[in-house]
N, C-alpha and C. Protein backbone atom coordinates (compact mmCIF):
# COMPACT_ATOMS: atom_id res chain seq x y z
N MET A 1 85.30 126.96 123.81
CA MET A 1 86.59 126.74 124.43
C MET A 1 86.62 127.25 125.88
N LYS A 2 86.00 128.47 126.11
CA LYS A 2 86.05 129.05 127.45
C LYS A 2 85.36 128.16 128.45
N ASN A 3 84.23 127.55 128.05
CA ASN A 3 83.52 126.66 128.96
C ASN A 3 84.40 125.48 129.35
N LEU A 4 85.10 124.94 128.37
CA LEU A 4 85.94 123.78 128.64
C LEU A 4 87.11 124.16 129.53
N ASP A 5 87.67 125.35 129.32
CA ASP A 5 88.81 125.77 130.13
C ASP A 5 88.45 125.86 131.60
N ARG A 6 87.14 126.07 131.89
CA ARG A 6 86.72 126.17 133.29
C ARG A 6 86.62 124.82 133.95
N ILE A 7 86.70 123.76 133.19
CA ILE A 7 86.67 122.42 133.77
C ILE A 7 88.08 122.09 134.20
N SER A 8 88.32 122.12 135.50
CA SER A 8 89.68 121.90 135.98
C SER A 8 90.05 120.44 135.94
N ARG A 9 91.34 120.20 135.90
CA ARG A 9 91.80 118.82 135.93
C ARG A 9 91.37 118.14 137.21
N ARG A 10 91.40 118.89 138.32
CA ARG A 10 90.97 118.30 139.59
C ARG A 10 89.51 117.91 139.52
N GLY A 11 88.70 118.76 138.90
CA GLY A 11 87.29 118.43 138.77
C GLY A 11 87.08 117.20 137.93
N LEU A 12 87.86 117.05 136.87
CA LEU A 12 87.72 115.87 136.02
C LEU A 12 88.12 114.62 136.79
N LEU A 13 89.19 114.71 137.55
CA LEU A 13 89.63 113.55 138.32
C LEU A 13 88.60 113.16 139.36
N GLY A 14 87.75 114.12 139.74
CA GLY A 14 86.74 113.82 140.74
C GLY A 14 85.49 113.18 140.18
N THR A 15 85.38 113.13 138.87
CA THR A 15 84.20 112.50 138.29
C THR A 15 84.35 111.00 138.29
N SER A 16 83.28 110.32 137.89
CA SER A 16 83.27 108.85 137.95
C SER A 16 83.76 108.24 136.66
N LEU A 17 84.91 108.75 136.15
CA LEU A 17 85.48 108.14 134.96
C LEU A 17 86.01 106.77 135.29
N VAL A 18 85.80 105.86 134.40
CA VAL A 18 86.35 104.52 134.56
C VAL A 18 87.24 104.27 133.35
N LEU A 19 88.53 104.44 133.53
CA LEU A 19 89.45 104.25 132.43
C LEU A 19 89.91 102.82 132.44
N VAL A 20 89.30 102.01 131.59
CA VAL A 20 89.61 100.59 131.55
C VAL A 20 90.71 100.38 130.54
N PRO A 21 91.91 100.01 130.99
CA PRO A 21 93.00 99.83 130.02
C PRO A 21 92.66 98.73 129.03
N ALA A 22 92.85 99.02 127.76
CA ALA A 22 92.66 98.02 126.71
C ALA A 22 93.93 97.21 126.57
N ALA A 23 93.82 96.08 125.90
CA ALA A 23 95.00 95.23 125.70
C ALA A 23 95.81 95.78 124.54
N LEU A 24 96.52 96.91 124.84
CA LEU A 24 97.19 97.62 123.78
C LEU A 24 98.71 97.61 123.91
N ALA A 25 99.23 97.12 125.03
CA ALA A 25 100.66 97.21 125.26
C ALA A 25 101.42 96.26 124.36
N ALA A 26 102.57 96.73 123.89
CA ALA A 26 103.42 95.90 123.03
C ALA A 26 104.86 96.08 123.45
N THR A 27 105.65 95.02 123.41
CA THR A 27 107.06 95.09 123.77
C THR A 27 107.87 95.19 122.50
N LEU A 28 108.71 96.24 122.43
CA LEU A 28 109.50 96.48 121.24
C LEU A 28 110.98 96.39 121.60
N SER A 29 111.71 95.57 120.90
CA SER A 29 113.15 95.42 121.12
C SER A 29 113.88 96.55 120.41
N PRO A 30 115.17 96.79 120.76
CA PRO A 30 115.94 97.80 120.04
C PRO A 30 115.95 97.55 118.54
N ALA A 31 115.90 96.28 118.12
CA ALA A 31 115.91 95.98 116.70
C ALA A 31 114.62 96.41 116.03
N GLY A 32 113.58 96.66 116.84
CA GLY A 32 112.30 97.05 116.27
C GLY A 32 112.08 98.55 116.25
N THR A 33 113.13 99.33 116.37
CA THR A 33 112.99 100.79 116.42
C THR A 33 112.31 101.33 115.18
N ALA A 34 112.71 100.88 114.01
CA ALA A 34 112.09 101.36 112.77
C ALA A 34 110.61 101.04 112.75
N LEU A 35 110.25 99.84 113.22
CA LEU A 35 108.85 99.46 113.29
C LEU A 35 108.10 100.37 114.25
N ALA A 36 108.72 100.66 115.40
CA ALA A 36 108.08 101.54 116.38
C ALA A 36 107.82 102.91 115.78
N ASP A 37 108.78 103.44 115.03
CA ASP A 37 108.59 104.74 114.41
C ASP A 37 107.41 104.71 113.44
N ALA A 38 107.27 103.61 112.71
CA ALA A 38 106.18 103.51 111.75
C ALA A 38 104.84 103.40 112.48
N LEU A 39 104.79 102.58 113.55
CA LEU A 39 103.54 102.39 114.27
C LEU A 39 103.11 103.66 115.00
N CYS A 40 104.06 104.47 115.40
CA CYS A 40 103.75 105.67 116.16
C CYS A 40 103.97 106.93 115.34
N ALA A 41 103.75 106.84 114.04
CA ALA A 41 103.78 108.03 113.20
C ALA A 41 102.76 109.03 113.74
N LEU A 42 103.11 110.30 113.71
CA LEU A 42 102.24 111.33 114.27
C LEU A 42 100.86 111.27 113.60
N THR A 43 99.83 111.37 114.43
CA THR A 43 98.46 111.36 113.92
C THR A 43 98.22 112.61 113.08
N SER A 44 97.68 112.42 111.89
CA SER A 44 97.45 113.55 110.98
C SER A 44 96.39 114.49 111.55
N PRO A 45 96.67 115.79 111.60
CA PRO A 45 95.67 116.73 112.11
C PRO A 45 94.58 117.00 111.10
N GLN A 46 93.40 117.38 111.61
CA GLN A 46 92.30 117.82 110.78
C GLN A 46 91.60 118.99 111.46
N GLY A 47 90.79 119.70 110.71
CA GLY A 47 90.12 120.87 111.25
C GLY A 47 89.07 120.52 112.29
N GLU A 48 88.71 121.52 113.08
CA GLU A 48 87.73 121.34 114.15
C GLU A 48 86.33 121.12 113.59
N GLY A 49 86.03 121.71 112.44
CA GLY A 49 84.69 121.61 111.89
C GLY A 49 83.74 122.63 112.51
N PRO A 50 82.55 122.74 111.97
CA PRO A 50 81.62 123.81 112.41
C PRO A 50 80.77 123.47 113.62
N PHE A 51 80.89 122.25 114.15
CA PHE A 51 79.94 121.82 115.18
C PHE A 51 80.59 121.52 116.53
N TYR A 52 81.71 122.20 116.82
CA TYR A 52 82.28 122.05 118.17
C TYR A 52 81.21 122.45 119.18
N PRO A 53 81.07 121.69 120.27
CA PRO A 53 79.92 121.89 121.16
C PRO A 53 79.70 123.34 121.58
N ALA A 54 78.44 123.75 121.51
CA ALA A 54 78.07 125.09 121.96
C ALA A 54 77.93 125.12 123.48
N ARG A 55 77.69 123.97 124.06
CA ARG A 55 77.65 123.86 125.52
C ARG A 55 78.14 122.47 125.91
N PHE A 56 78.57 122.35 127.15
CA PHE A 56 79.15 121.10 127.61
C PHE A 56 78.34 120.55 128.77
N GLY A 57 78.18 119.24 128.78
CA GLY A 57 77.52 118.59 129.89
C GLY A 57 78.52 118.20 130.96
N LYS A 58 78.13 117.26 131.80
CA LYS A 58 79.02 116.79 132.85
C LYS A 58 80.19 116.04 132.22
N PRO A 59 81.42 116.39 132.58
CA PRO A 59 82.56 115.71 131.95
C PRO A 59 82.61 114.23 132.33
N GLY A 60 82.90 113.41 131.36
CA GLY A 60 83.00 111.98 131.61
C GLY A 60 83.29 111.25 130.31
N ASN A 61 83.63 109.98 130.45
CA ASN A 61 83.97 109.19 129.26
C ASN A 61 82.83 108.28 128.81
N ASP A 62 81.67 108.39 129.44
CA ASP A 62 80.50 107.61 129.06
C ASP A 62 79.47 108.57 128.46
N LEU A 63 79.22 108.44 127.15
CA LEU A 63 78.29 109.35 126.48
C LEU A 63 76.85 108.87 126.57
N PHE A 64 76.62 107.78 127.32
CA PHE A 64 75.27 107.33 127.62
C PHE A 64 74.82 108.09 128.88
N LEU A 65 73.89 109.01 128.73
CA LEU A 65 73.53 109.86 129.86
C LEU A 65 72.86 109.09 130.99
N GLY A 66 72.24 107.96 130.66
CA GLY A 66 71.57 107.19 131.70
C GLY A 66 72.49 106.28 132.48
N GLY A 67 73.78 106.22 132.11
CA GLY A 67 74.71 105.34 132.80
C GLY A 67 74.41 103.87 132.51
N ALA A 68 74.84 103.02 133.42
CA ALA A 68 74.76 101.57 133.20
C ALA A 68 73.32 101.07 133.18
N GLY A 69 72.45 101.65 133.99
CA GLY A 69 71.09 101.11 134.11
C GLY A 69 70.02 101.93 133.43
N GLY A 70 70.39 103.04 132.79
CA GLY A 70 69.40 103.93 132.20
C GLY A 70 69.04 103.56 130.77
N LYS A 71 68.14 104.32 130.20
CA LYS A 71 67.73 104.11 128.81
C LYS A 71 68.89 104.50 127.90
N PRO A 72 69.28 103.61 127.00
CA PRO A 72 70.42 103.92 126.13
C PRO A 72 70.03 104.88 125.02
N PRO A 73 71.00 105.56 124.43
CA PRO A 73 70.70 106.39 123.27
C PRO A 73 70.29 105.53 122.08
N ASP A 74 69.68 106.18 121.09
CA ASP A 74 69.33 105.48 119.86
C ASP A 74 70.62 105.21 119.08
N GLY A 75 70.83 103.97 118.66
CA GLY A 75 72.02 103.65 117.88
C GLY A 75 72.76 102.44 118.41
N ASP A 76 73.80 102.07 117.70
CA ASP A 76 74.61 100.92 118.07
C ASP A 76 75.73 101.34 119.00
N ALA A 77 75.77 100.73 120.18
CA ALA A 77 76.81 101.05 121.16
C ALA A 77 78.18 100.61 120.64
N ILE A 78 79.17 101.45 120.86
CA ILE A 78 80.56 101.11 120.56
C ILE A 78 81.45 101.57 121.70
N VAL A 79 82.63 100.99 121.77
CA VAL A 79 83.67 101.44 122.69
C VAL A 79 84.84 101.92 121.85
N VAL A 80 85.32 103.11 122.14
CA VAL A 80 86.49 103.66 121.47
C VAL A 80 87.59 103.82 122.52
N SER A 81 88.70 103.17 122.31
CA SER A 81 89.81 103.28 123.25
C SER A 81 91.11 103.30 122.48
N GLY A 82 92.18 103.63 123.16
CA GLY A 82 93.47 103.68 122.50
C GLY A 82 94.54 104.18 123.46
N LYS A 83 95.71 104.33 122.92
CA LYS A 83 96.85 104.80 123.70
C LYS A 83 97.38 106.08 123.08
N VAL A 84 97.67 107.06 123.92
CA VAL A 84 98.30 108.29 123.47
C VAL A 84 99.80 108.19 123.75
N THR A 85 100.60 108.41 122.71
CA THR A 85 102.05 108.33 122.83
C THR A 85 102.68 109.51 122.12
N ASP A 86 104.02 109.62 122.28
CA ASP A 86 104.75 110.53 121.43
C ASP A 86 105.23 109.76 120.20
N ALA A 87 106.00 110.39 119.35
CA ALA A 87 106.41 109.74 118.10
C ALA A 87 107.34 108.55 118.33
N LYS A 88 107.92 108.46 119.54
CA LYS A 88 108.79 107.34 119.87
C LYS A 88 108.07 106.26 120.66
N CYS A 89 106.76 106.33 120.64
CA CYS A 89 105.90 105.32 121.27
C CYS A 89 105.94 105.34 122.79
N ARG A 90 106.38 106.43 123.37
CA ARG A 90 106.38 106.53 124.83
C ARG A 90 105.00 106.98 125.28
N PRO A 91 104.36 106.25 126.21
CA PRO A 91 103.00 106.59 126.62
C PRO A 91 102.93 107.95 127.30
N ALA A 92 101.83 108.64 127.07
CA ALA A 92 101.61 109.97 127.65
C ALA A 92 100.50 109.87 128.68
N ALA A 93 100.86 109.91 129.95
CA ALA A 93 99.89 109.82 131.04
C ALA A 93 99.31 111.19 131.35
N GLY A 94 98.07 111.20 131.85
CA GLY A 94 97.44 112.45 132.27
C GLY A 94 97.11 113.40 131.15
N VAL A 95 96.97 112.87 129.95
CA VAL A 95 96.60 113.69 128.79
C VAL A 95 95.08 113.71 128.67
N LEU A 96 94.52 114.86 128.34
CA LEU A 96 93.08 115.01 128.21
C LEU A 96 92.66 114.74 126.76
N VAL A 97 91.83 113.73 126.58
CA VAL A 97 91.28 113.40 125.27
C VAL A 97 89.81 113.79 125.27
N GLU A 98 89.42 114.55 124.27
CA GLU A 98 88.05 115.06 124.17
C GLU A 98 87.46 114.59 122.83
N ILE A 99 86.22 114.14 122.85
CA ILE A 99 85.56 113.75 121.61
C ILE A 99 84.20 114.44 121.50
N TRP A 100 83.75 114.66 120.27
CA TRP A 100 82.37 115.07 120.01
C TRP A 100 81.96 114.50 118.66
N GLN A 101 80.65 114.29 118.49
CA GLN A 101 80.19 113.55 117.32
C GLN A 101 78.71 113.75 117.08
N ALA A 102 78.25 113.25 115.93
CA ALA A 102 76.82 113.24 115.61
C ALA A 102 76.15 112.03 116.26
N ASP A 103 74.83 112.12 116.40
CA ASP A 103 74.05 110.98 116.87
C ASP A 103 73.73 110.06 115.70
N ARG A 104 72.86 109.11 115.91
CA ARG A 104 72.55 108.14 114.86
C ARG A 104 71.93 108.81 113.62
N GLN A 105 71.24 109.93 113.83
CA GLN A 105 70.58 110.63 112.74
C GLN A 105 71.49 111.66 112.06
N GLY A 106 72.75 111.71 112.47
CA GLY A 106 73.68 112.67 111.88
C GLY A 106 73.54 114.07 112.44
N ARG A 107 72.96 114.20 113.63
CA ARG A 107 72.74 115.51 114.24
C ARG A 107 73.76 115.74 115.35
N TYR A 108 74.31 116.95 115.39
CA TYR A 108 75.19 117.37 116.47
C TYR A 108 74.41 118.17 117.51
N GLN A 109 74.97 118.27 118.69
CA GLN A 109 74.39 119.12 119.72
C GLN A 109 74.89 120.55 119.48
N HIS A 110 74.37 121.14 118.43
CA HIS A 110 74.84 122.47 118.02
C HIS A 110 73.72 123.14 117.24
N PRO A 111 73.51 124.45 117.43
CA PRO A 111 72.39 125.13 116.76
C PRO A 111 72.51 125.14 115.24
N ARG A 112 73.72 124.97 114.69
CA ARG A 112 73.87 124.95 113.23
C ARG A 112 73.88 123.52 112.67
N GLY A 113 73.63 122.53 113.54
CA GLY A 113 73.63 121.15 113.09
C GLY A 113 72.36 120.80 112.32
N GLN A 114 72.29 119.56 111.88
CA GLN A 114 71.13 119.08 111.13
C GLN A 114 69.84 119.33 111.91
N ALA A 115 68.79 119.70 111.21
CA ALA A 115 67.51 119.97 111.86
C ALA A 115 66.92 118.68 112.43
N GLY A 116 66.14 118.84 113.50
CA GLY A 116 65.48 117.69 114.09
C GLY A 116 65.77 117.58 115.57
N PRO A 117 64.98 116.77 116.27
CA PRO A 117 65.16 116.64 117.72
C PRO A 117 66.47 115.95 118.08
N ARG A 118 67.07 116.37 119.18
CA ARG A 118 68.28 115.74 119.69
C ARG A 118 67.92 114.59 120.61
N ASP A 119 68.83 113.64 120.72
CA ASP A 119 68.61 112.46 121.54
C ASP A 119 68.82 112.83 123.01
N PRO A 120 67.78 112.77 123.83
CA PRO A 120 67.92 113.17 125.23
C PRO A 120 68.76 112.20 126.06
N HIS A 121 69.09 111.05 125.50
CA HIS A 121 69.85 110.05 126.24
C HIS A 121 71.33 110.00 125.82
N PHE A 122 71.71 110.93 124.95
CA PHE A 122 73.07 110.93 124.41
C PHE A 122 73.77 112.24 124.73
N ALA A 123 75.05 112.16 125.10
CA ALA A 123 75.80 113.34 125.53
C ALA A 123 76.41 114.11 124.37
N TYR A 124 76.68 113.49 123.24
CA TYR A 124 77.26 114.13 122.06
C TYR A 124 78.73 114.53 122.25
N TRP A 125 79.20 114.60 123.47
CA TRP A 125 80.55 115.08 123.79
C TRP A 125 81.04 114.38 125.05
N GLY A 126 82.34 114.13 125.13
CA GLY A 126 82.90 113.52 126.33
C GLY A 126 84.38 113.83 126.44
N MET A 127 84.94 113.51 127.61
CA MET A 127 86.36 113.74 127.85
C MET A 127 86.89 112.71 128.82
N ALA A 128 88.17 112.38 128.69
CA ALA A 128 88.80 111.39 129.56
C ALA A 128 90.28 111.69 129.69
N LEU A 129 90.83 111.38 130.85
CA LEU A 129 92.28 111.47 131.06
C LEU A 129 92.92 110.12 130.79
N THR A 130 94.07 110.13 130.14
CA THR A 130 94.80 108.88 129.96
C THR A 130 95.36 108.40 131.29
N ASP A 131 95.45 107.07 131.44
CA ASP A 131 95.98 106.50 132.66
C ASP A 131 97.51 106.45 132.60
N ALA A 132 98.12 105.75 133.53
CA ALA A 132 99.59 105.70 133.61
C ALA A 132 100.23 105.09 132.37
N LYS A 133 99.47 104.29 131.62
CA LYS A 133 99.99 103.67 130.40
C LYS A 133 99.59 104.44 129.14
N GLY A 134 99.00 105.62 129.33
CA GLY A 134 98.59 106.43 128.19
C GLY A 134 97.28 106.03 127.58
N VAL A 135 96.50 105.18 128.26
CA VAL A 135 95.27 104.62 127.68
C VAL A 135 94.05 105.46 128.06
N TYR A 136 93.18 105.65 127.09
CA TYR A 136 91.89 106.31 127.32
C TYR A 136 90.78 105.38 126.83
N ARG A 137 89.54 105.67 127.21
CA ARG A 137 88.40 104.84 126.81
C ARG A 137 87.12 105.65 126.83
N PHE A 138 86.26 105.43 125.83
CA PHE A 138 84.94 106.05 125.78
C PHE A 138 83.89 104.99 125.45
N ARG A 139 82.69 105.16 126.02
CA ARG A 139 81.52 104.42 125.53
C ARG A 139 80.64 105.42 124.80
N THR A 140 80.27 105.10 123.55
CA THR A 140 79.48 106.00 122.76
C THR A 140 78.64 105.18 121.77
N ILE A 141 78.16 105.81 120.71
CA ILE A 141 77.42 105.10 119.68
C ILE A 141 78.09 105.33 118.33
N PHE A 142 77.76 104.47 117.38
CA PHE A 142 78.27 104.65 116.02
C PHE A 142 77.58 105.87 115.42
N PRO A 143 78.35 106.88 115.00
CA PRO A 143 77.73 108.11 114.51
C PRO A 143 77.11 107.95 113.13
N GLY A 144 76.06 108.71 112.87
CA GLY A 144 75.42 108.68 111.56
C GLY A 144 76.14 109.58 110.56
N ALA A 145 75.99 109.25 109.29
CA ALA A 145 76.47 110.13 108.23
C ALA A 145 75.47 111.28 108.09
N TYR A 146 75.91 112.37 107.48
CA TYR A 146 74.98 113.48 107.24
C TYR A 146 75.38 114.21 105.96
N GLY A 147 74.47 115.03 105.47
CA GLY A 147 74.69 115.75 104.23
C GLY A 147 73.70 115.29 103.18
N GLY A 148 73.94 115.72 101.94
CA GLY A 148 73.05 115.33 100.86
C GLY A 148 73.60 115.81 99.54
N GLY A 149 73.10 115.26 98.45
CA GLY A 149 73.57 115.65 97.13
C GLY A 149 75.03 115.31 96.94
N SER A 150 75.81 116.29 96.52
CA SER A 150 77.24 116.06 96.29
C SER A 150 78.05 116.14 97.58
N PHE A 151 77.40 116.51 98.70
CA PHE A 151 78.10 116.66 99.98
C PHE A 151 77.57 115.63 100.97
N GLN A 152 78.42 114.74 101.42
CA GLN A 152 78.04 113.80 102.46
C GLN A 152 79.27 113.42 103.26
N ARG A 153 79.15 113.57 104.56
CA ARG A 153 80.24 113.20 105.45
C ARG A 153 80.09 111.74 105.86
N THR A 154 81.19 111.01 105.79
CA THR A 154 81.22 109.65 106.28
C THR A 154 81.16 109.66 107.80
N PRO A 155 80.69 108.61 108.45
CA PRO A 155 80.71 108.58 109.92
C PRO A 155 82.11 108.84 110.47
N HIS A 156 82.19 109.68 111.48
CA HIS A 156 83.48 110.05 112.05
C HIS A 156 83.27 110.58 113.46
N ILE A 157 84.34 110.63 114.22
CA ILE A 157 84.33 111.20 115.57
C ILE A 157 85.45 112.24 115.64
N HIS A 158 85.12 113.42 116.13
CA HIS A 158 86.11 114.48 116.29
C HIS A 158 86.91 114.26 117.57
N VAL A 159 88.18 114.62 117.54
CA VAL A 159 89.07 114.38 118.68
C VAL A 159 89.95 115.61 118.90
N LYS A 160 90.07 116.01 120.15
CA LYS A 160 91.08 116.99 120.57
C LYS A 160 91.93 116.35 121.66
N VAL A 161 93.21 116.69 121.68
CA VAL A 161 94.13 116.19 122.70
C VAL A 161 94.83 117.39 123.34
N ARG A 162 94.77 117.44 124.68
CA ARG A 162 95.44 118.52 125.42
C ARG A 162 96.45 117.91 126.38
N GLN A 163 97.66 118.44 126.35
CA GLN A 163 98.74 117.96 127.21
C GLN A 163 99.29 119.13 127.99
N ASN A 164 99.30 119.00 129.33
CA ASN A 164 99.77 120.08 130.20
C ASN A 164 99.03 121.39 129.91
N GLY A 165 97.71 121.27 129.64
CA GLY A 165 96.90 122.43 129.40
C GLY A 165 97.02 123.03 128.01
N ARG A 166 97.80 122.42 127.15
CA ARG A 166 98.05 122.95 125.80
C ARG A 166 97.41 122.04 124.76
N LEU A 167 96.70 122.64 123.82
CA LEU A 167 96.11 121.87 122.73
C LEU A 167 97.22 121.40 121.80
N VAL A 168 97.38 120.06 121.66
CA VAL A 168 98.46 119.52 120.84
C VAL A 168 97.96 118.84 119.57
N LEU A 169 96.65 118.56 119.50
CA LEU A 169 96.13 117.91 118.30
C LEU A 169 94.62 118.08 118.20
N THR A 170 94.16 118.40 116.99
CA THR A 170 92.75 118.30 116.64
C THR A 170 92.68 117.43 115.40
N THR A 171 91.84 116.40 115.44
CA THR A 171 91.76 115.49 114.30
C THR A 171 90.38 114.85 114.25
N GLN A 172 90.20 113.90 113.34
CA GLN A 172 88.96 113.15 113.23
C GLN A 172 89.29 111.68 113.09
N MET A 173 88.48 110.85 113.72
CA MET A 173 88.65 109.40 113.66
C MET A 173 87.63 108.82 112.70
N TYR A 174 88.10 107.98 111.78
CA TYR A 174 87.23 107.36 110.78
C TYR A 174 87.14 105.85 111.03
N PHE A 175 86.12 105.23 110.45
CA PHE A 175 85.87 103.81 110.68
C PHE A 175 86.38 102.99 109.49
N PRO A 176 87.03 101.88 109.78
CA PRO A 176 87.67 101.10 108.71
C PRO A 176 86.67 100.50 107.74
N GLY A 177 86.96 100.64 106.45
CA GLY A 177 86.17 99.99 105.42
C GLY A 177 84.79 100.58 105.17
N HIS A 178 84.49 101.74 105.76
CA HIS A 178 83.14 102.28 105.53
C HIS A 178 83.01 102.74 104.08
N PRO A 179 81.92 102.40 103.41
CA PRO A 179 81.79 102.71 101.98
C PRO A 179 81.78 104.20 101.66
N LEU A 180 81.45 105.06 102.64
CA LEU A 180 81.42 106.50 102.38
C LEU A 180 82.79 107.16 102.55
N ASN A 181 83.77 106.43 103.07
CA ASN A 181 85.08 107.03 103.27
C ASN A 181 85.64 107.62 101.97
N SER A 182 85.56 106.85 100.91
CA SER A 182 86.17 107.28 99.65
C SER A 182 85.47 108.49 99.04
N GLN A 183 84.23 108.76 99.47
CA GLN A 183 83.48 109.89 98.94
C GLN A 183 83.61 111.14 99.81
N ASP A 184 84.23 111.00 100.97
CA ASP A 184 84.31 112.09 101.93
C ASP A 184 85.51 112.99 101.58
N PHE A 185 85.23 114.28 101.35
CA PHE A 185 86.30 115.17 100.89
C PHE A 185 87.36 115.43 101.96
N LEU A 186 86.98 115.39 103.23
CA LEU A 186 87.98 115.61 104.29
C LEU A 186 88.83 114.37 104.51
N PHE A 187 88.21 113.21 104.48
CA PHE A 187 88.99 111.98 104.58
C PHE A 187 89.94 111.85 103.40
N SER A 188 89.43 112.12 102.19
CA SER A 188 90.26 112.01 101.00
C SER A 188 91.37 113.04 100.97
N GLY A 189 91.18 114.14 101.73
CA GLY A 189 92.20 115.18 101.78
C GLY A 189 93.39 114.85 102.66
N VAL A 190 93.28 113.80 103.47
CA VAL A 190 94.43 113.37 104.27
C VAL A 190 95.45 112.73 103.34
N PRO A 191 96.71 113.13 103.39
CA PRO A 191 97.71 112.50 102.51
C PRO A 191 97.67 110.99 102.65
N SER A 192 97.77 110.29 101.53
CA SER A 192 97.62 108.84 101.54
C SER A 192 98.59 108.16 102.49
N ALA A 193 99.80 108.70 102.62
CA ALA A 193 100.80 108.10 103.50
C ALA A 193 100.43 108.26 104.97
N GLU A 194 99.52 109.19 105.29
CA GLU A 194 99.13 109.47 106.68
C GLU A 194 97.74 108.95 106.99
N ARG A 195 97.03 108.46 106.00
CA ARG A 195 95.62 108.13 106.19
C ARG A 195 95.40 107.06 107.25
N HIS A 196 96.36 106.14 107.36
CA HIS A 196 96.20 105.08 108.36
C HIS A 196 96.16 105.63 109.78
N THR A 197 96.71 106.84 109.99
CA THR A 197 96.76 107.40 111.34
C THR A 197 95.42 107.94 111.81
N VAL A 198 94.45 108.08 110.89
CA VAL A 198 93.14 108.59 111.30
C VAL A 198 92.04 107.53 111.15
N ILE A 199 92.42 106.29 110.88
CA ILE A 199 91.45 105.21 110.76
C ILE A 199 91.56 104.30 111.99
N ALA A 200 90.44 104.08 112.65
CA ALA A 200 90.43 103.19 113.81
C ALA A 200 90.59 101.74 113.37
N VAL A 201 90.90 100.89 114.31
CA VAL A 201 91.02 99.46 114.07
C VAL A 201 89.89 98.77 114.83
N GLU A 202 89.10 97.97 114.13
CA GLU A 202 88.04 97.23 114.80
C GLU A 202 88.64 96.04 115.51
N GLU A 203 88.29 95.88 116.80
CA GLU A 203 88.85 94.81 117.60
C GLU A 203 87.83 93.70 117.78
N ARG A 204 88.30 92.48 117.82
CA ARG A 204 87.42 91.33 118.00
C ARG A 204 87.30 90.98 119.48
N GLY A 205 86.36 90.12 119.75
CA GLY A 205 86.19 89.66 121.13
C GLY A 205 85.11 90.47 121.83
N GLY A 206 85.02 90.27 123.12
CA GLY A 206 84.05 90.99 123.92
C GLY A 206 82.82 90.17 124.27
N GLY A 207 82.60 89.07 123.56
CA GLY A 207 81.48 88.21 123.91
C GLY A 207 80.18 88.64 123.25
N SER A 208 79.21 87.76 123.28
CA SER A 208 77.92 88.02 122.68
C SER A 208 77.22 89.20 123.35
N GLY A 209 76.71 90.12 122.56
CA GLY A 209 76.00 91.27 123.09
C GLY A 209 76.88 92.43 123.50
N ALA A 210 78.19 92.25 123.48
CA ALA A 210 79.09 93.33 123.86
C ALA A 210 79.17 94.35 122.73
N PRO A 211 79.37 95.64 123.06
CA PRO A 211 79.48 96.64 122.00
C PRO A 211 80.73 96.41 121.15
N THR A 212 80.64 96.79 119.88
CA THR A 212 81.81 96.71 119.01
C THR A 212 82.89 97.65 119.53
N ALA A 213 84.12 97.18 119.54
CA ALA A 213 85.22 97.98 120.06
C ALA A 213 86.12 98.44 118.91
N PHE A 214 86.53 99.68 118.99
CA PHE A 214 87.46 100.26 118.03
C PHE A 214 88.66 100.83 118.77
N ARG A 215 89.84 100.53 118.27
CA ARG A 215 91.08 101.09 118.85
C ARG A 215 91.56 102.24 117.98
N PHE A 216 91.81 103.37 118.64
CA PHE A 216 92.31 104.54 117.93
C PHE A 216 93.50 105.08 118.71
N ASP A 217 94.70 104.62 118.32
CA ASP A 217 95.91 105.10 118.97
C ASP A 217 96.28 106.48 118.40
N ILE A 218 96.81 107.32 119.25
CA ILE A 218 97.12 108.70 118.89
C ILE A 218 98.57 108.99 119.24
N ALA A 219 99.31 109.52 118.28
CA ALA A 219 100.70 109.93 118.53
C ALA A 219 100.81 111.42 118.30
N VAL A 220 101.37 112.12 119.28
CA VAL A 220 101.49 113.57 119.21
C VAL A 220 102.94 113.98 119.40
N SER A 221 103.29 115.14 118.90
CA SER A 221 104.66 115.62 119.04
C SER A 221 104.86 116.29 120.38
């Protein structure tokens, strides 16, 4: 946490983040207030887990260390984007969204993570500020499952949200329809009425060869 606190907002704004707004905006009439409340139900919180980064790299929303022209990490490229709002669906601009995750082999960039070499082309951690419409975006890879025997974690991405310097949410993002979801004790521990708030939505389009896109909207109090 102390390392992250030293990363100033000004410093983050000075990095080469490219926040590409996704096609997420929706117009809601007064008659749709009940629908808006349902769509913007507060995202269910989850624990930080044991593998919060022990060290941080250069802040940015691209977890491919080689950038556009470099050697990509091992794994399937994905884009994770979404909108951060309050419970009334009002967009939250300038909010810091932080993610960390396992690589394709289920290894974290952490000394207590799964044994084995780490991917030198993958950042394992990233951060982005929401734009004026509350939108954030990351380029990363589909994370691997890990564990064994009676313990196995389904693929997931950890998320923290900070607003005005205050931590307002820690949660995990899950992938829709993954067969390991039902076996994952943390996913199953989310109340059934709230489970939809921690499952991303796979988006279509993007053209041949484009990375699979997932939308993960976040609502905070």
